[in-house]
């Protein structure tokens, strides 16, 4: 909104906020050994978030096909993504200190 008011319409910050976590999460999970169990649930969460972004990007297509916007469906899949984070946090347990990949 701030860049729109300045007449620039710069969406770079929005793009970073939306897409950087999708790139950074797998890299972080690869580079740093897990300290808790169920870390792979974060990959499930990421996968559902990617599915949500696909539905958001094809908003008009789904609205014309099924009468429900892709944006609406996106919210459902974002909820599923958040569920996987909840599941991971609820079920995780510390790993032994000598854990290796």
N, C-alpha and C. Protein backbone atom coordinates (compact mmCIF):
# COMPACT_ATOMS: atom_id res chain seq x y z
N UNK A 1 0.83 -1.19 0.00
CA UNK A 1 0.00 0.00 0.00
C UNK A 1 0.88 1.26 0.00
N UNK A 2 2.01 1.19 0.72
CA UNK A 2 2.86 2.36 0.81
C UNK A 2 3.45 2.72 -0.56
N UNK A 3 3.92 1.71 -1.31
CA UNK A 3 4.51 2.02 -2.62
C UNK A 3 3.43 2.42 -3.63
N UNK A 4 2.22 1.91 -3.46
CA UNK A 4 1.11 2.34 -4.32
C UNK A 4 0.82 3.82 -4.10
N UNK A 5 0.83 4.25 -2.86
CA UNK A 5 0.57 5.65 -2.55
C UNK A 5 1.65 6.56 -3.14
N UNK A 6 2.87 6.03 -3.26
CA UNK A 6 3.96 6.80 -3.84
C UNK A 6 3.94 6.75 -5.37
N UNK A 7 3.02 5.94 -5.92
CA UNK A 7 2.89 5.83 -7.37
C UNK A 7 3.84 4.84 -8.02
N UNK A 8 4.45 3.96 -7.21
CA UNK A 8 5.42 3.01 -7.76
C UNK A 8 4.85 1.62 -7.95
N UNK A 9 3.99 1.18 -7.04
CA UNK A 9 3.41 -0.16 -7.12
C UNK A 9 4.45 -1.26 -7.06
N UNK A 10 5.44 -1.12 -6.21
CA UNK A 10 6.54 -2.07 -6.10
C UNK A 10 6.12 -3.26 -5.24
N UNK A 11 6.08 -4.45 -5.82
CA UNK A 11 5.65 -5.65 -5.11
C UNK A 11 6.80 -6.56 -4.70
N UNK A 12 8.03 -6.07 -4.78
CA UNK A 12 9.18 -6.92 -4.45
C UNK A 12 9.15 -7.40 -3.01
N UNK A 13 8.82 -6.52 -2.07
CA UNK A 13 8.78 -6.93 -0.67
C UNK A 13 7.70 -7.99 -0.46
N UNK A 14 6.55 -7.80 -1.08
CA UNK A 14 5.46 -8.80 -1.02
C UNK A 14 5.94 -10.15 -1.56
N UNK A 15 6.64 -10.12 -2.68
CA UNK A 15 7.14 -11.36 -3.28
C UNK A 15 8.14 -12.06 -2.36
N UNK A 16 8.98 -11.29 -1.71
CA UNK A 16 9.94 -11.88 -0.78
C UNK A 16 9.21 -12.55 0.38
N UNK A 17 8.23 -11.87 0.94
CA UNK A 17 7.47 -12.41 2.07
C UNK A 17 6.72 -13.67 1.66
N UNK A 18 6.18 -13.70 0.45
CA UNK A 18 5.37 -14.83 -0.01
C UNK A 18 6.21 -16.03 -0.42
N UNK A 19 7.36 -15.80 -1.07
CA UNK A 19 8.07 -16.91 -1.70
C UNK A 19 9.39 -17.28 -1.04
N UNK A 20 10.03 -16.39 -0.31
CA UNK A 20 11.30 -16.73 0.32
C UNK A 20 11.19 -17.92 1.28
N UNK A 21 10.14 -17.99 2.11
CA UNK A 21 10.04 -19.17 2.99
C UNK A 21 9.98 -20.50 2.24
N UNK A 22 9.38 -20.50 1.05
CA UNK A 22 9.30 -21.74 0.27
C UNK A 22 10.69 -22.18 -0.20
N UNK A 23 11.57 -21.23 -0.41
CA UNK A 23 12.93 -21.56 -0.82
C UNK A 23 13.83 -21.82 0.38
N UNK A 24 13.65 -21.04 1.43
CA UNK A 24 14.54 -21.14 2.59
C UNK A 24 14.29 -22.38 3.45
N UNK A 25 13.05 -22.80 3.59
CA UNK A 25 12.73 -23.92 4.47
C UNK A 25 13.48 -25.20 4.11
N UNK A 26 13.45 -25.65 2.86
CA UNK A 26 14.20 -26.87 2.54
C UNK A 26 15.71 -26.70 2.74
N UNK A 27 16.23 -25.52 2.44
CA UNK A 27 17.66 -25.27 2.61
C UNK A 27 18.04 -25.34 4.09
N UNK A 28 17.24 -24.72 4.94
CA UNK A 28 17.50 -24.75 6.38
C UNK A 28 17.40 -26.17 6.92
N UNK A 29 16.39 -26.90 6.48
CA UNK A 29 16.24 -28.28 6.95
C UNK A 29 17.40 -29.16 6.49
N UNK A 30 17.97 -28.85 5.33
CA UNK A 30 19.11 -29.63 4.83
C UNK A 30 20.41 -29.25 5.56
N UNK A 31 20.60 -27.96 5.79
CA UNK A 31 21.87 -27.50 6.36
C UNK A 31 22.02 -27.74 7.85
N UNK A 32 20.92 -27.76 8.58
CA UNK A 32 20.99 -27.89 10.03
C UNK A 32 20.35 -29.19 10.48
N UNK A 33 21.10 -30.02 11.20
CA UNK A 33 20.52 -31.29 11.66
C UNK A 33 19.37 -31.04 12.62
N UNK A 34 18.34 -31.87 12.57
CA UNK A 34 17.19 -31.66 13.45
C UNK A 34 17.56 -31.92 14.91
N UNK A 35 16.93 -31.19 15.80
CA UNK A 35 17.11 -31.42 17.23
C UNK A 35 15.86 -32.06 17.83
N UNK A 36 14.81 -32.15 17.03
CA UNK A 36 13.54 -32.74 17.49
C UNK A 36 13.03 -33.72 16.43
N UNK A 37 12.18 -34.63 16.88
CA UNK A 37 11.54 -35.54 15.95
C UNK A 37 10.48 -34.78 15.14
N UNK A 38 9.96 -35.42 14.13
CA UNK A 38 8.86 -34.91 13.30
C UNK A 38 9.21 -33.65 12.50
N UNK A 39 10.48 -33.43 12.27
CA UNK A 39 10.90 -32.26 11.49
C UNK A 39 10.38 -32.34 10.05
N UNK A 40 10.23 -33.54 9.53
CA UNK A 40 9.75 -33.70 8.16
C UNK A 40 8.32 -33.16 7.97
N UNK A 41 7.60 -32.99 9.05
CA UNK A 41 6.26 -32.40 8.95
C UNK A 41 6.33 -30.99 8.37
N UNK A 42 7.47 -30.32 8.56
CA UNK A 42 7.63 -28.99 7.97
C UNK A 42 7.63 -29.07 6.44
N UNK A 43 8.15 -30.16 5.90
CA UNK A 43 8.10 -30.34 4.44
C UNK A 43 6.67 -30.56 3.97
N UNK A 44 5.89 -31.29 4.75
CA UNK A 44 4.48 -31.45 4.41
C UNK A 44 3.77 -30.10 4.44
N UNK A 45 4.07 -29.32 5.47
CA UNK A 45 3.48 -27.99 5.57
C UNK A 45 3.85 -27.14 4.36
N UNK A 46 5.10 -27.19 3.99
CA UNK A 46 5.57 -26.44 2.83
C UNK A 46 4.88 -26.91 1.56
N UNK A 47 4.72 -28.21 1.41
CA UNK A 47 4.04 -28.75 0.23
C UNK A 47 2.61 -28.26 0.11
N UNK A 48 1.89 -28.25 1.22
CA UNK A 48 0.51 -27.76 1.19
C UNK A 48 0.46 -26.26 0.91
N UNK A 49 1.46 -25.54 1.39
CA UNK A 49 1.51 -24.10 1.10
C UNK A 49 1.74 -23.87 -0.39
N UNK A 50 2.58 -24.68 -1.01
CA UNK A 50 2.81 -24.57 -2.46
C UNK A 50 1.51 -24.86 -3.20
N UNK A 51 0.79 -25.89 -2.78
CA UNK A 51 -0.52 -26.19 -3.40
C UNK A 51 -1.45 -24.99 -3.25
N UNK A 52 -1.45 -24.38 -2.08
CA UNK A 52 -2.30 -23.20 -1.85
C UNK A 52 -1.93 -22.07 -2.81
N UNK A 53 -0.64 -21.85 -3.01
CA UNK A 53 -0.20 -20.78 -3.91
C UNK A 53 -0.60 -21.09 -5.36
N UNK A 54 -0.60 -22.34 -5.73
CA UNK A 54 -1.04 -22.72 -7.09
C UNK A 54 -2.52 -22.37 -7.26
N UNK A 55 -3.32 -22.70 -6.28
CA UNK A 55 -4.75 -22.36 -6.36
C UNK A 55 -4.95 -20.85 -6.39
N UNK A 56 -4.16 -20.13 -5.62
CA UNK A 56 -4.27 -18.67 -5.64
C UNK A 56 -3.91 -18.13 -7.02
N UNK A 57 -2.88 -18.70 -7.63
CA UNK A 57 -2.45 -18.23 -8.94
C UNK A 57 -3.39 -18.59 -10.08
N UNK A 58 -4.23 -19.57 -9.85
CA UNK A 58 -5.19 -20.00 -10.88
C UNK A 58 -6.62 -19.68 -10.44
N UNK A 59 -6.76 -18.57 -9.77
CA UNK A 59 -8.02 -18.14 -9.19
C UNK A 59 -9.17 -18.15 -10.20
N UNK A 60 -9.00 -17.48 -11.31
CA UNK A 60 -10.07 -17.37 -12.32
C UNK A 60 -10.43 -18.73 -12.92
N UNK A 61 -9.41 -19.53 -13.18
CA UNK A 61 -9.65 -20.85 -13.78
C UNK A 61 -10.60 -21.67 -12.92
N UNK A 62 -10.33 -21.76 -11.63
CA UNK A 62 -11.18 -22.56 -10.76
C UNK A 62 -12.55 -21.93 -10.57
N UNK A 63 -12.61 -20.61 -10.58
CA UNK A 63 -13.92 -19.97 -10.46
C UNK A 63 -14.79 -20.33 -11.66
N UNK A 64 -14.20 -20.35 -12.85
CA UNK A 64 -14.97 -20.69 -14.05
C UNK A 64 -15.29 -22.18 -14.12
N UNK A 65 -14.38 -23.02 -13.59
CA UNK A 65 -14.59 -24.47 -13.64
C UNK A 65 -15.62 -24.96 -12.61
N UNK A 66 -15.49 -24.50 -11.37
CA UNK A 66 -16.32 -25.07 -10.31
C UNK A 66 -17.15 -24.03 -9.56
N UNK A 67 -17.00 -22.77 -9.92
CA UNK A 67 -17.78 -21.72 -9.26
C UNK A 67 -17.24 -21.32 -7.90
N UNK A 68 -16.05 -21.76 -7.58
CA UNK A 68 -15.40 -21.42 -6.32
C UNK A 68 -14.02 -20.88 -6.65
N UNK A 69 -13.67 -19.73 -6.12
CA UNK A 69 -12.41 -19.11 -6.52
C UNK A 69 -11.21 -19.87 -5.95
N UNK A 70 -10.13 -19.83 -6.70
CA UNK A 70 -8.89 -20.41 -6.24
C UNK A 70 -8.41 -19.75 -4.97
N UNK A 71 -8.71 -18.47 -4.81
CA UNK A 71 -8.32 -17.74 -3.60
C UNK A 71 -9.01 -18.34 -2.37
N UNK A 72 -10.27 -18.70 -2.52
CA UNK A 72 -11.00 -19.32 -1.42
C UNK A 72 -10.40 -20.69 -1.09
N UNK A 73 -10.12 -21.47 -2.12
CA UNK A 73 -9.53 -22.80 -1.93
C UNK A 73 -8.15 -22.66 -1.29
N UNK A 74 -7.42 -21.61 -1.66
CA UNK A 74 -6.10 -21.36 -1.08
C UNK A 74 -6.19 -21.32 0.44
N UNK A 75 -7.21 -20.67 0.97
CA UNK A 75 -7.33 -20.56 2.42
C UNK A 75 -7.50 -21.93 3.08
N UNK A 76 -8.19 -22.82 2.43
CA UNK A 76 -8.35 -24.17 2.96
C UNK A 76 -7.00 -24.87 3.04
N UNK A 77 -6.22 -24.79 1.95
CA UNK A 77 -4.93 -25.46 1.93
C UNK A 77 -3.91 -24.78 2.85
N UNK A 78 -4.02 -23.48 3.05
CA UNK A 78 -3.17 -22.81 4.04
C UNK A 78 -3.49 -23.33 5.44
N UNK A 79 -4.77 -23.61 5.69
CA UNK A 79 -5.15 -24.21 6.96
C UNK A 79 -4.55 -25.60 7.14
N UNK A 80 -4.54 -26.38 6.07
CA UNK A 80 -3.92 -27.71 6.11
C UNK A 80 -2.42 -27.56 6.38
N UNK A 81 -1.80 -26.58 5.74
CA UNK A 81 -0.38 -26.32 5.96
C UNK A 81 -0.11 -25.98 7.42
N UNK A 82 -0.93 -25.13 7.99
CA UNK A 82 -0.77 -24.76 9.40
C UNK A 82 -0.99 -25.96 10.31
N UNK A 83 -1.89 -26.85 9.92
CA UNK A 83 -2.14 -28.06 10.71
C UNK A 83 -0.86 -28.89 10.85
N UNK A 84 -0.08 -29.01 9.76
CA UNK A 84 1.14 -29.80 9.81
C UNK A 84 2.16 -29.19 10.76
N UNK A 85 2.20 -27.87 10.85
CA UNK A 85 3.09 -27.23 11.82
C UNK A 85 2.60 -27.55 13.24
N UNK A 86 1.30 -27.43 13.46
CA UNK A 86 0.71 -27.78 14.75
C UNK A 86 1.03 -29.23 15.12
N UNK A 87 0.83 -30.14 14.17
CA UNK A 87 1.08 -31.56 14.40
C UNK A 87 2.54 -31.80 14.78
N UNK A 88 3.45 -31.14 14.08
CA UNK A 88 4.87 -31.28 14.38
C UNK A 88 5.17 -30.79 15.79
N UNK A 89 4.65 -29.64 16.14
CA UNK A 89 4.92 -29.08 17.47
C UNK A 89 4.30 -29.92 18.58
N UNK A 90 3.14 -30.49 18.32
CA UNK A 90 2.44 -31.29 19.32
C UNK A 90 3.14 -32.63 19.56
N UNK A 91 3.67 -33.24 18.50
CA UNK A 91 4.20 -34.60 18.60
C UNK A 91 5.71 -34.68 18.76
N UNK A 92 6.41 -33.59 18.60
CA UNK A 92 7.87 -33.68 18.59
C UNK A 92 8.43 -33.98 19.97
N UNK A 93 9.62 -34.56 19.93
CA UNK A 93 10.37 -34.87 21.14
C UNK A 93 11.84 -34.61 20.84
N UNK A 94 12.61 -34.25 21.85
CA UNK A 94 14.04 -34.02 21.61
C UNK A 94 14.73 -35.28 21.11
N UNK A 95 15.65 -35.07 20.18
CA UNK A 95 16.47 -36.18 19.71
C UNK A 95 17.72 -36.28 20.58
N UNK A 96 18.31 -37.45 20.65
CA UNK A 96 19.58 -37.56 21.41
C UNK A 96 20.61 -36.61 20.81
N UNK A 97 21.51 -36.12 21.64
CA UNK A 97 22.51 -35.13 21.20
C UNK A 97 23.44 -35.67 20.14
N UNK A 98 23.65 -36.96 20.07
CA UNK A 98 24.57 -37.53 19.09
C UNK A 98 23.89 -37.87 17.78
N UNK A 99 22.71 -37.32 17.52
CA UNK A 99 21.97 -37.63 16.30
C UNK A 99 22.72 -37.14 15.07
N UNK A 100 22.77 -37.99 14.08
CA UNK A 100 23.33 -37.57 12.78
C UNK A 100 22.33 -37.94 11.72
N UNK A 101 22.45 -37.30 10.58
CA UNK A 101 21.51 -37.55 9.49
C UNK A 101 21.65 -38.96 9.07
